[in-house]
Amino acid sequence: MSLFGEKCARCGTRARKASEGPTICEGCQREMKLIVQAQAEDSRRCPIDGALMQKEISFMIVIDRCPTCRGIWLDGGELERIKGGVEEKALIAMSRSFAMPIA
């Protein structure tokens, strides 16, 4: 293992924990768990046009999206989790802009 940690085999970011086999970061591990979870869920029909909705992962949440009308379906509590993720990223971006430059 290098001084700064091995790079994730999926996304290339640094992983904090050593592992056996290919190194995978925590974010990719969570995403892969969501993919497995999504594959186990039943597919839904779009309430607008009746097309079979496809599963997508966004903000570490499984979202059902209609391939024809592009509408989305969120399960209970998922909208709040998306809002929280967006707010967190906005706060981080704002805090970085307030940092004093080193001259």
PDB file of N, CA and C in Angstrom:
ATOM      1  N   MET A   1       0.851  -1.185   0.000  1.00  0.00           N
ATOM      2  CA  MET A   1       0.000   0.000   0.000  1.00  0.00           C
ATOM      3  C   MET A   1       0.888   1.237   0.000  1.00  0.00           C
ATOM      4  N   SER A   2       0.532   2.248  -0.785  1.00  0.00           N
ATOM      5  CA  SER A   2       1.326   3.460  -0.862  1.00  0.00           C
ATOM      6  C   SER A   2       1.062   4.353   0.338  1.00  0.00           C
ATOM      7  N   LEU A   3       1.861   5.403   0.449  1.00  0.00           N
ATOM      8  CA  LEU A   3       1.746   6.334   1.570  1.00  0.00           C
ATOM      9  C   LEU A   3       0.362   6.969   1.651  1.00  0.00           C
ATOM     10  N   PHE A   4      -0.243   7.287   0.509  1.00  0.00           N
ATOM     11  CA  PHE A   4      -1.540   7.963   0.483  1.00  0.00           C
ATOM     12  C   PHE A   4      -2.709   7.014   0.251  1.00  0.00           C
ATOM     13  N   GLY A   5      -2.463   5.737   0.198  1.00  0.00           N
ATOM     14  CA  GLY A   5      -3.524   4.768  -0.048  1.00  0.00           C
ATOM     15  C   GLY A   5      -3.594   4.392  -1.511  1.00  0.00           C
ATOM     16  N   GLU A   6      -4.050   3.201  -1.764  1.00  0.00           N
ATOM     17  CA  GLU A   6      -4.179   2.714  -3.133  1.00  0.00           C
ATOM     18  C   GLU A   6      -5.347   3.397  -3.817  1.00  0.00           C
ATOM     19  N   LYS A   7      -5.310   3.450  -5.143  1.00  0.00           N
ATOM     20  CA  LYS A   7      -6.413   4.026  -5.908  1.00  0.00           C
ATOM     21  C   LYS A   7      -7.499   2.983  -6.129  1.00  0.00           C
ATOM     22  N   CYS A   8      -8.745   3.448  -6.137  1.00  0.00           N
ATOM     23  CA  CYS A   8      -9.901   2.596  -6.391  1.00  0.00           C
ATOM     24  C   CYS A   8      -9.819   2.055  -7.817  1.00  0.00           C
ATOM     25  N   ALA A   9     -10.096   0.772  -7.978  1.00  0.00           N
ATOM     26  CA  ALA A   9     -10.052   0.143  -9.293  1.00  0.00           C
ATOM     27  C   ALA A   9     -11.182   0.630 -10.198  1.00  0.00           C
ATOM     28  N   ARG A  10     -12.279   1.170  -9.623  1.00  0.00           N
ATOM     29  CA  ARG A  10     -13.417   1.636 -10.428  1.00  0.00           C
ATOM     30  C   ARG A  10     -13.301   3.095 -10.825  1.00  0.00           C
ATOM     31  N   CYS A  11     -12.997   3.986  -9.858  1.00  0.00           N
ATOM     32  CA  CYS A  11     -13.072   5.423 -10.142  1.00  0.00           C
ATOM     33  C   CYS A  11     -11.741   6.153 -10.039  1.00  0.00           C
ATOM     34  N   GLY A  12     -10.744   5.518  -9.459  1.00  0.00           N
ATOM     35  CA  GLY A  12      -9.422   6.125  -9.379  1.00  0.00           C
ATOM     36  C   GLY A  12      -9.173   7.008  -8.175  1.00  0.00           C
ATOM     37  N   THR A  13     -10.167   7.189  -7.292  1.00  0.00           N
ATOM     38  CA  THR A  13      -9.941   7.983  -6.091  1.00  0.00           C
ATOM     39  C   THR A  13      -9.172   7.146  -5.075  1.00  0.00           C
ATOM     40  N   ARG A  14      -8.595   7.804  -4.103  1.00  0.00           N
ATOM     41  CA  ARG A  14      -7.824   7.100  -3.083  1.00  0.00           C
ATOM     42  C   ARG A  14      -8.765   6.380  -2.118  1.00  0.00           C
ATOM     43  N   ALA A  15      -8.429   5.142  -1.801  1.00  0.00           N
ATOM     44  CA  ALA A  15      -9.207   4.349  -0.849  1.00  0.00           C
ATOM     45  C   ALA A  15      -8.511   4.411   0.496  1.00  0.00           C
ATOM     46  N   ARG A  16      -9.259   4.488   1.564  1.00  0.00           N
ATOM     47  CA  ARG A  16      -8.684   4.616   2.908  1.00  0.00           C
ATOM     48  C   ARG A  16      -8.287   3.278   3.507  1.00  0.00           C
ATOM     49  N   LYS A  17      -8.987   2.231   3.140  1.00  0.00           N
ATOM     50  CA  LYS A  17      -8.755   0.927   3.754  1.00  0.00           C
ATOM     51  C   LYS A  17      -8.093  -0.016   2.761  1.00  0.00           C
ATOM     52  N   ALA A  18      -7.168  -0.807   3.280  1.00  0.00           N
ATOM     53  CA  ALA A  18      -6.556  -1.836   2.446  1.00  0.00           C
ATOM     54  C   ALA A  18      -7.529  -2.995   2.332  1.00  0.00           C
ATOM     55  N   SER A  19      -7.503  -3.670   1.209  1.00  0.00           N
ATOM     56  CA  SER A  19      -8.408  -4.797   1.016  1.00  0.00           C
ATOM     57  C   SER A  19      -7.698  -5.893   0.248  1.00  0.00           C
ATOM     58  N   GLU A  20      -8.250  -7.071   0.331  1.00  0.00           N
ATOM     59  CA  GLU A  20      -7.734  -8.173  -0.464  1.00  0.00           C
ATOM     60  C   GLU A  20      -8.328  -8.054  -1.856  1.00  0.00           C
ATOM     61  N   GLY A  21      -7.548  -8.332  -2.863  1.00  0.00           N
ATOM     62  CA  GLY A  21      -8.039  -8.201  -4.224  1.00  0.00           C
ATOM     63  C   GLY A  21      -7.988  -6.750  -4.663  1.00  0.00           C
ATOM     64  N   PRO A  22      -8.779  -6.388  -5.675  1.00  0.00           N
ATOM     65  CA  PRO A  22      -8.746  -5.006  -6.165  1.00  0.00           C
ATOM     66  C   PRO A  22      -9.224  -4.024  -5.103  1.00  0.00           C
ATOM     67  N   THR A  23      -8.577  -2.865  -5.028  1.00  0.00           N
ATOM     68  CA  THR A  23      -8.953  -1.833  -4.065  1.00  0.00           C
ATOM     69  C   THR A  23     -10.197  -1.113  -4.566  1.00  0.00           C
ATOM     70  N   ILE A  24     -11.195  -0.974  -3.686  1.00  0.00           N
ATOM     71  CA  ILE A  24     -12.448  -0.290  -4.011  1.00  0.00           C
ATOM     72  C   ILE A  24     -12.708   0.744  -2.920  1.00  0.00           C
ATOM     73  N   CYS A  25     -12.991   1.997  -3.312  1.00  0.00           N
ATOM     74  CA  CYS A  25     -13.267   3.050  -2.332  1.00  0.00           C
ATOM     75  C   CYS A  25     -14.658   2.848  -1.716  1.00  0.00           C
ATOM     76  N   GLU A  26     -14.915   3.568  -0.624  1.00  0.00           N
ATOM     77  CA  GLU A  26     -16.194   3.431   0.078  1.00  0.00           C
ATOM     78  C   GLU A  26     -17.368   3.866  -0.785  1.00  0.00           C
ATOM     79  N   GLY A  27     -17.205   4.930  -1.562  1.00  0.00           N
ATOM     80  CA  GLY A  27     -18.285   5.392  -2.435  1.00  0.00           C
ATOM     81  C   GLY A  27     -18.673   4.345  -3.464  1.00  0.00           C
ATOM     82  N   CYS A  28     -17.681   3.714  -4.072  1.00  0.00           N
ATOM     83  CA  CYS A  28     -17.960   2.668  -5.064  1.00  0.00           C
ATOM     84  C   CYS A  28     -18.572   1.431  -4.401  1.00  0.00           C
ATOM     85  N   GLN A  29     -18.149   1.126  -3.172  1.00  0.00           N
ATOM     86  CA  GLN A  29     -18.754  -0.001  -2.455  1.00  0.00           C
ATOM     87  C   GLN A  29     -20.234   0.254  -2.207  1.00  0.00           C
ATOM     88  N   ARG A  30     -20.579   1.486  -1.787  1.00  0.00           N
ATOM     89  CA  ARG A  30     -21.996   1.822  -1.558  1.00  0.00           C
ATOM     90  C   ARG A  30     -22.782   1.753  -2.862  1.00  0.00           C
ATOM     91  N   GLU A  31     -22.174   2.257  -3.948  1.00  0.00           N
ATOM     92  CA  GLU A  31     -22.859   2.230  -5.238  1.00  0.00           C
ATOM     93  C   GLU A  31     -23.088   0.801  -5.716  1.00  0.00           C
ATOM     94  N   MET A  32     -22.108  -0.070  -5.526  1.00  0.00           N
ATOM     95  CA  MET A  32     -22.270  -1.463  -5.951  1.00  0.00           C
ATOM     96  C   MET A  32     -23.347  -2.167  -5.129  1.00  0.00           C
ATOM     97  N   LYS A  33     -23.452  -1.848  -3.841  1.00  0.00           N
ATOM     98  CA  LYS A  33     -24.527  -2.408  -3.018  1.00  0.00           C
ATOM     99  C   LYS A  33     -25.888  -1.945  -3.532  1.00  0.00           C
ATOM    100  N   LEU A  34     -25.972  -0.664  -3.932  1.00  0.00           N
ATOM    101  CA  LEU A  34     -27.221  -0.144  -4.483  1.00  0.00           C
ATOM    102  C   LEU A  34     -27.581  -0.834  -5.789  1.00  0.00           C
ATOM    103  N   ILE A  35     -26.590  -1.126  -6.614  1.00  0.00           N
ATOM    104  CA  ILE A  35     -26.847  -1.818  -7.874  1.00  0.00           C
ATOM    105  C   ILE A  35     -27.436  -3.195  -7.607  1.00  0.00           C
ATOM    106  N   VAL A  36     -26.861  -3.914  -6.650  1.00  0.00           N
ATOM    107  CA  VAL A  36     -27.375  -5.251  -6.295  1.00  0.00           C
ATOM    108  C   VAL A  36     -28.797  -5.120  -5.750  1.00  0.00           C
ATOM    109  N   GLN A  37     -29.029  -4.116  -4.903  1.00  0.00           N
ATOM    110  CA  GLN A  37     -30.367  -3.880  -4.343  1.00  0.00           C
ATOM    111  C   GLN A  37     -31.364  -3.564  -5.451  1.00  0.00           C
ATOM    112  N   ALA A  38     -30.970  -2.731  -6.405  1.00  0.00           N
ATOM    113  CA  ALA A  38     -31.863  -2.341  -7.501  1.00  0.00           C
ATOM    114  C   ALA A  38     -32.226  -3.537  -8.369  1.00  0.00           C
ATOM    115  N   GLN A  39     -31.280  -4.445  -8.577  1.00  0.00           N
ATOM    116  CA  GLN A  39     -31.557  -5.615  -9.400  1.00  0.00           C
ATOM    117  C   GLN A  39     -32.574  -6.536  -8.735  1.00  0.00           C
ATOM    118  N   ALA A  40     -32.654  -6.501  -7.407  1.00  0.00           N
ATOM    119  CA  ALA A  40     -33.598  -7.349  -6.692  1.00  0.00           C
ATOM    120  C   ALA A  40     -35.012  -6.752  -6.671  1.00  0.00           C
ATOM    121  N   GLU A  41     -35.133  -5.445  -6.907  1.00  0.00           N
ATOM    122  CA  GLU A  41     -36.449  -4.786  -6.893  1.00  0.00           C
ATOM    123  C   GLU A  41     -37.235  -5.113  -8.162  1.00  0.00           C
ATOM    124  N   ASP A  42     -38.544  -5.154  -8.022  1.00  0.00           N
ATOM    125  CA  ASP A  42     -39.410  -5.330  -9.195  1.00  0.00           C
ATOM    126  C   ASP A  42     -39.430  -4.040 -10.006  1.00  0.00           C
ATOM    127  N   SER A  43     -39.492  -4.173 -11.317  1.00  0.00           N
ATOM    128  CA  SER A  43     -39.592  -2.997 -12.178  1.00  0.00           C
ATOM    129  C   SER A  43     -41.014  -2.452 -12.122  1.00  0.00           C
ATOM    130  N   ARG A  44     -41.125  -1.134 -12.181  1.00  0.00           N
ATOM    131  CA  ARG A  44     -42.425  -0.475 -12.144  1.00  0.00           C
ATOM    132  C   ARG A  44     -42.801   0.009 -13.534  1.00  0.00           C
ATOM    133  N   ARG A  45     -44.092   0.201 -13.713  1.00  0.00           N
ATOM    134  CA  ARG A  45     -44.607   0.803 -14.950  1.00  0.00           C
ATOM    135  C   ARG A  45     -44.771   2.295 -14.719  1.00  0.00           C
ATOM    136  N   CYS A  46     -44.483   3.079 -15.737  1.00  0.00           N
ATOM    137  CA  CYS A  46     -44.627   4.534 -15.659  1.00  0.00           C
ATOM    138  C   CYS A  46     -46.114   4.877 -15.509  1.00  0.00           C
ATOM    139  N   PRO A  47     -46.459   5.733 -14.533  1.00  0.00           N
ATOM    140  CA  PRO A  47     -47.865   6.108 -14.365  1.00  0.00           C
ATOM    141  C   PRO A  47     -48.385   7.002 -15.497  1.00  0.00           C
ATOM    142  N   ILE A  48     -47.490   7.571 -16.296  1.00  0.00           N
ATOM    143  CA  ILE A  48     -47.916   8.458 -17.385  1.00  0.00           C
ATOM    144  C   ILE A  48     -48.203   7.684 -18.663  1.00  0.00           C
ATOM    145  N   ASP A  49     -47.218   6.864 -19.104  1.00  0.00           N
ATOM    146  CA  ASP A  49     -47.403   6.181 -20.391  1.00  0.00           C
ATOM    147  C   ASP A  49     -47.338   4.652 -20.307  1.00  0.00           C
ATOM    148  N   GLY A  50     -47.157   4.099 -19.120  1.00  0.00           N
ATOM    149  CA  GLY A  50     -47.188   2.654 -18.940  1.00  0.00           C
ATOM    150  C   GLY A  50     -45.929   1.910 -19.349  1.00  0.00           C
ATOM    151  N   ALA A  51     -44.872   2.613 -19.762  1.00  0.00           N
ATOM    152  CA  ALA A  51     -43.620   1.963 -20.156  1.00  0.00           C
ATOM    153  C   ALA A  51     -42.923   1.387 -18.930  1.00  0.00           C
ATOM    154  N   LEU A  52     -42.144   0.359 -19.121  1.00  0.00           N
ATOM    155  CA  LEU A  52     -41.387  -0.258 -18.037  1.00  0.00           C
ATOM    156  C   LEU A  52     -40.230   0.666 -17.666  1.00  0.00           C
ATOM    157  N   MET A  53     -40.182   1.099 -16.398  1.00  0.00           N
ATOM    158  CA  MET A  53     -39.178   2.061 -15.965  1.00  0.00           C
ATOM    159  C   MET A  53     -37.835   1.375 -15.737  1.00  0.00           C
ATOM    160  N   GLN A  54     -36.741   2.116 -15.965  1.00  0.00           N
ATOM    161  CA  GLN A  54     -35.390   1.606 -15.778  1.00  0.00           C
ATOM    162  C   GLN A  54     -34.815   2.145 -14.477  1.00  0.00           C
ATOM    163  N   LYS A  55     -33.935   1.367 -13.836  1.00  0.00           N
ATOM    164  CA  LYS A  55     -33.303   1.771 -12.582  1.00  0.00           C
ATOM    165  C   LYS A  55     -32.032   2.559 -12.892  1.00  0.00           C
ATOM    166  N   GLU A  56     -31.849   3.672 -12.179  1.00  0.00           N
ATOM    167  CA  GLU A  56     -30.642   4.481 -12.263  1.00  0.00           C
ATOM    168  C   GLU A  56     -30.205   4.829 -10.848  1.00  0.00           C
ATOM    169  N   ILE A  57     -28.921   5.098 -10.678  1.00  0.00           N
ATOM    170  CA  ILE A  57     -28.410   5.511  -9.378  1.00  0.00           C
ATOM    171  C   ILE A  57     -27.956   6.961  -9.490  1.00  0.00           C
ATOM    172  N   SER A  58     -28.505   7.806  -8.616  1.00  0.00           N
ATOM    173  CA  SER A  58     -28.145   9.214  -8.565  1.00  0.00           C
ATOM    174  C   SER A  58     -28.129   9.630  -7.099  1.00  0.00           C
ATOM    175  N   PHE A  59     -27.096  10.350  -6.688  1.00  0.00           N
ATOM    176  CA  PHE A  59     -26.951  10.757  -5.290  1.00  0.00           C
ATOM    177  C   PHE A  59     -27.026   9.543  -4.359  1.00  0.00           C
ATOM    178  N   MET A  60     -26.487   8.404  -4.828  1.00  0.00           N
ATOM    179  CA  MET A  60     -26.488   7.146  -4.070  1.00  0.00           C
ATOM    180  C   MET A  60     -27.905   6.694  -3.713  1.00  0.00           C
ATOM    181  N   ILE A  61     -28.843   6.958  -4.603  1.00  0.00           N
ATOM    182  CA  ILE A  61     -30.238   6.550  -4.436  1.00  0.00           C
ATOM    183  C   ILE A  61     -30.679   5.875  -5.724  1.00  0.00           C
ATOM    184  N   VAL A  62     -31.425   4.761  -5.580  1.00  0.00           N
ATOM    185  CA  VAL A  62     -31.957   4.076  -6.759  1.00  0.00           C
ATOM    186  C   VAL A  62     -33.213   4.810  -7.208  1.00  0.00           C
ATOM    187  N   ILE A  63     -33.193   5.285  -8.451  1.00  0.00           N
ATOM    188  CA  ILE A  63     -34.305   6.045  -9.020  1.00  0.00           C
ATOM    189  C   ILE A  63     -34.880   5.261 -10.192  1.00  0.00           C
ATOM    190  N   ASP A  64     -36.205   5.219 -10.292  1.00  0.00           N
ATOM    191  CA  ASP A  64     -36.864   4.603 -11.446  1.00  0.00           C
ATOM    192  C   ASP A  64     -37.126   5.709 -12.467  1.00  0.00           C
ATOM    193  N   ARG A  65     -36.649   5.516 -13.726  1.00  0.00           N
ATOM    194  CA  ARG A  65     -36.825   6.526 -14.769  1.00  0.00           C
ATOM    195  C   ARG A  65     -37.489   5.897 -15.982  1.00  0.00           C
ATOM    196  N   CYS A  66     -38.477   6.598 -16.529  1.00  0.00           N
ATOM    197  CA  CYS A  66     -39.176   6.139 -17.726  1.00  0.00           C
ATOM    198  C   CYS A  66     -38.314   6.437 -18.955  1.00  0.00           C
ATOM    199  N   PRO A  67     -38.054   5.434 -19.795  1.00  0.00           N
ATOM    200  CA  PRO A  67     -37.212   5.662 -20.971  1.00  0.00           C
ATOM    201  C   PRO A  67     -37.896   6.482 -22.063  1.00  0.00           C
ATOM    202  N   THR A  68     -39.217   6.565 -22.041  1.00  0.00           N
ATOM    203  CA  THR A  68     -39.913   7.302 -23.109  1.00  0.00           C
ATOM    204  C   THR A  68     -40.211   8.748 -22.721  1.00  0.00           C
ATOM    205  N   CYS A  69     -40.824   8.987 -21.564  1.00  0.00           N
ATOM    206  CA  CYS A  69     -41.170  10.365 -21.177  1.00  0.00           C
ATOM    207  C   CYS A  69     -40.125  10.985 -20.248  1.00  0.00           C
ATOM    208  N   ARG A  70     -39.147  10.193 -19.788  1.00  0.00           N
ATOM    209  CA  ARG A  70     -38.057  10.623 -18.906  1.00  0.00           C
ATOM    210  C   ARG A  70     -38.532  11.046 -17.518  1.00  0.00           C
ATOM    211  N   GLY A  71     -39.759  10.700 -17.138  1.00  0.00           N
ATOM    212  CA  GLY A  71     -40.253  10.964 -15.798  1.00  0.00           C
ATOM    213  C   GLY A  71     -39.544  10.060 -14.798  1.00  0.00           C
ATOM    214  N   ILE A  72     -39.520  10.478 -13.523  1.00  0.00           N
ATOM    215  CA  ILE A  72     -38.865   9.671 -12.495  1.00  0.00           C
ATOM    216  C   ILE A  72     -39.833   9.328 -11.371  1.00  0.00           C
ATOM    217  N   TRP A  73     -39.518   8.248 -10.656  1.00  0.00           N
ATOM    218  CA  TRP A  73     -40.300   7.805  -9.517  1.00  0.00           C
ATOM    219  C   TRP A  73     -39.349   7.660  -8.338  1.00  0.00           C
ATOM    220  N   LEU A  74     -39.677   8.315  -7.216  1.00  0.00           N
ATOM    221  CA  LEU A  74     -38.877   8.218  -6.006  1.00  0.00           C
ATOM    222  C   LEU A  74     -39.667   7.484  -4.939  1.00  0.00           C
ATOM    223  N   ASP A  75     -38.995   6.602  -4.211  1.00  0.00           N
ATOM    224  CA  ASP A  75     -39.615   5.935  -3.080  1.00  0.00           C
ATOM    225  C   ASP A  75     -39.640   6.900  -1.895  1.00  0.00           C
ATOM    226  N   GLY A  76     -40.375   6.533  -0.845  1.00  0.00           N
ATOM    227  CA  GLY A  76     -40.504   7.381   0.331  1.00  0.00           C
ATOM    228  C   GLY A  76     -39.165   7.774   0.929  1.00  0.00           C
ATOM    229  N   GLY A  77     -38.975   9.065   1.220  1.00  0.00           N
ATOM    230  CA  GLY A  77     -37.767   9.576   1.858  1.00  0.00           C
ATOM    231  C   GLY A  77     -36.619   9.882   0.913  1.00  0.00           C
ATOM    232  N   GLU A  78     -36.732   9.461  -0.344  1.00  0.00           N
ATOM    233  CA  GLU A  78     -35.611   9.661  -1.267  1.00  0.00           C
ATOM    234  C   GLU A  78     -35.443  11.121  -1.685  1.00  0.00           C
ATOM    235  N   LEU A  79     -36.518  11.860  -1.847  1.00  0.00           N
ATOM    236  CA  LEU A  79     -36.414  13.275  -2.213  1.00  0.00           C
ATOM    237  C   LEU A  79     -35.667  14.047  -1.125  1.00  0.00           C
ATOM    238  N   GLU A  80     -35.960  13.749   0.127  1.00  0.00           N
ATOM    239  CA  GLU A  80     -35.292  14.413   1.235  1.00  0.00           C
ATOM    240  C   GLU A  80     -33.800  14.080   1.246  1.00  0.00           C
ATOM    241  N   ARG A  81     -33.448  12.826   0.927  1.00  0.00           N
ATOM    242  CA  ARG A  81     -32.033  12.440   0.873  1.00  0.00           C
ATOM    243  C   ARG A  81     -31.323  13.167  -0.265  1.00  0.00           C
ATOM    244  N   ILE A  82     -31.992  13.351  -1.402  1.00  0.00           N
ATOM    245  CA  ILE A  82     -31.390  14.078  -2.526  1.00  0.00           C
ATOM    246  C   ILE A  82     -31.179  15.542  -2.132  1.00  0.00           C
ATOM    247  N   LYS A  83     -32.203  16.145  -1.520  1.00  0.00           N
ATOM    248  CA  LYS A  83     -32.081  17.539  -1.088  1.00  0.00           C
ATOM    249  C   LYS A  83     -30.919  17.702  -0.120  1.00  0.00           C
ATOM    250  N   GLY A  84     -30.799  16.783   0.823  1.00  0.00           N
ATOM    251  CA  GLY A  84     -29.704  16.841   1.796  1.00  0.00           C
ATOM    252  C   GLY A  84     -28.342  16.746   1.127  1.00  0.00           C
ATOM    253  N   GLY A  85     -28.209  15.886   0.119  1.00  0.00           N
ATOM    254  CA  GLY A  85     -26.941  15.748  -0.605  1.00  0.00           C
ATOM    255  C   GLY A  85     -26.594  16.994  -1.381  1.00  0.00           C
ATOM    256  N   VAL A  86     -27.592  17.612  -2.005  1.00  0.00           N
ATOM    257  CA  VAL A  86     -27.361  18.840  -2.777  1.00  0.00           C
ATOM    258  C   VAL A  86     -26.980  19.969  -1.828  1.00  0.00           C
ATOM    259  N   GLU A  87     -27.680  20.085  -0.706  1.00  0.00           N
ATOM    260  CA  GLU A  87     -27.371  21.144   0.256  1.00  0.00           C
ATOM    261  C   GLU A  87     -25.965  20.973   0.817  1.00  0.00           C
ATOM    262  N   GLU A  88     -25.580  19.729   1.103  1.00  0.00           N
ATOM    263  CA  GLU A  88     -24.247  19.470   1.639  1.00  0.00           C
ATOM    264  C   GLU A  88     -23.168  19.879   0.636  1.00  0.00           C
ATOM    265  N   LYS A  89     -23.350  19.520  -0.632  1.00  0.00           N
ATOM    266  CA  LYS A  89     -22.367  19.882  -1.657  1.00  0.00           C
ATOM    267  C   LYS A  89     -22.310  21.393  -1.856  1.00  0.00           C
ATOM    268  N   ALA A  90     -23.455  22.054  -1.767  1.00  0.00           N
ATOM    269  CA  ALA A  90     -23.474  23.513  -1.908  1.00  0.00           C
ATOM    270  C   ALA A  90     -22.730  24.171  -0.753  1.00  0.00           C
ATOM    271  N   LEU A  91     -22.928  23.684   0.465  1.00  0.00           N
ATOM    272  CA  LEU A  91     -22.224  24.246   1.620  1.00  0.00           C
ATOM    273  C   LEU A  91     -20.716  24.035   1.508  1.00  0.00           C
ATOM    274  N   ILE A  92     -20.309  22.875   1.042  1.00  0.00           N
ATOM    275  CA  ILE A  92     -18.873  22.605   0.867  1.00  0.00           C
ATOM    276  C   ILE A  92     -18.291  23.544  -0.181  1.00  0.00           C
ATOM    277  N   ALA A  93     -18.994  23.723  -1.297  1.00  0.00           N
ATOM    278  CA  ALA A  93     -18.519  24.624  -2.352  1.00  0.00           C
ATOM    279  C   ALA A  93     -18.432  26.060  -1.840  1.00  0.00           C
ATOM    280  N   MET A  94     -19.423  26.493  -1.053  1.00  0.00           N
ATOM    281  CA  MET A  94     -19.392  27.853  -0.516  1.00  0.00           C
ATOM    282  C   MET A  94     -18.249  28.019   0.464  1.00  0.00           C
ATOM    283  N   SER A  95     -18.017  27.023   1.309  1.00  0.00           N
ATOM    284  CA  SER A  95     -16.944  27.137   2.291  1.00  0.00           C
ATOM    285  C   SER A  95     -15.582  27.189   1.607  1.00  0.00           C
ATOM    286  N   ARG A  96     -15.420  26.527   0.499  1.00  0.00           N
ATOM    287  CA  ARG A  96     -14.142  26.578  -0.227  1.00  0.00           C
ATOM    288  C   ARG A  96     -13.925  27.955  -0.847  1.00  0.00           C
ATOM    289  N   SER A  97     -14.991  28.619  -1.252  1.00  0.00           N
ATOM    290  CA  SER A  97     -14.827  29.942  -1.851  1.00  0.00           C
ATOM    291  C   SER A  97     -14.490  30.998  -0.815  1.00  0.00           C
ATOM    292  N   PHE A  98     -14.763  30.724   0.459  1.00  0.00           N
ATOM    293  CA  PHE A  98     -14.435  31.671   1.521  1.00  0.00           C
ATOM    294  C   PHE A  98     -13.021  31.501   2.042  1.00  0.00           C
ATOM    295  N   ALA A  99     -12.321  30.462   1.609  1.00  0.00           N
ATOM    296  CA  ALA A  99     -10.972  30.209   2.094  1.00  0.00           C
ATOM    297  C   ALA A  99     -10.044  31.332   1.637  1.00  0.00           C
ATOM    298  N   MET A 100      -9.148  31.718   2.497  1.00  0.00           N
ATOM    299  CA  MET A 100      -8.188  32.787   2.186  1.00  0.00           C
ATOM    300  C   MET A 100      -7.064  32.212   1.327  1.00  0.00           C
ATOM    301  N   PRO A 101      -6.724  32.852   0.221  1.00  0.00           N
ATOM    302  CA  PRO A 101      -5.618  32.365  -0.602  1.00  0.00           C
ATOM    303  C   PRO A 101      -4.283  32.577   0.101  1.00  0.00           C
ATOM    304  N   ILE A 102      -3.377  31.671  -0.100  1.00  0.00           N
ATOM    305  CA  ILE A 102      -2.034  31.800   0.482  1.00  0.00           C
ATOM    306  C   ILE A 102      -1.185  32.556  -0.527  1.00  0.00           C
ATOM    307  N   ALA A 103      -0.697  33.705  -0.130  1.00  0.00           N
ATOM    308  CA  ALA A 103       0.077  34.534  -1.061  1.00  0.00           C
ATOM    309  C   ALA A 103       1.546  34.514  -0.741  1.00  0.00           C
TER     310      ALA A 103
END
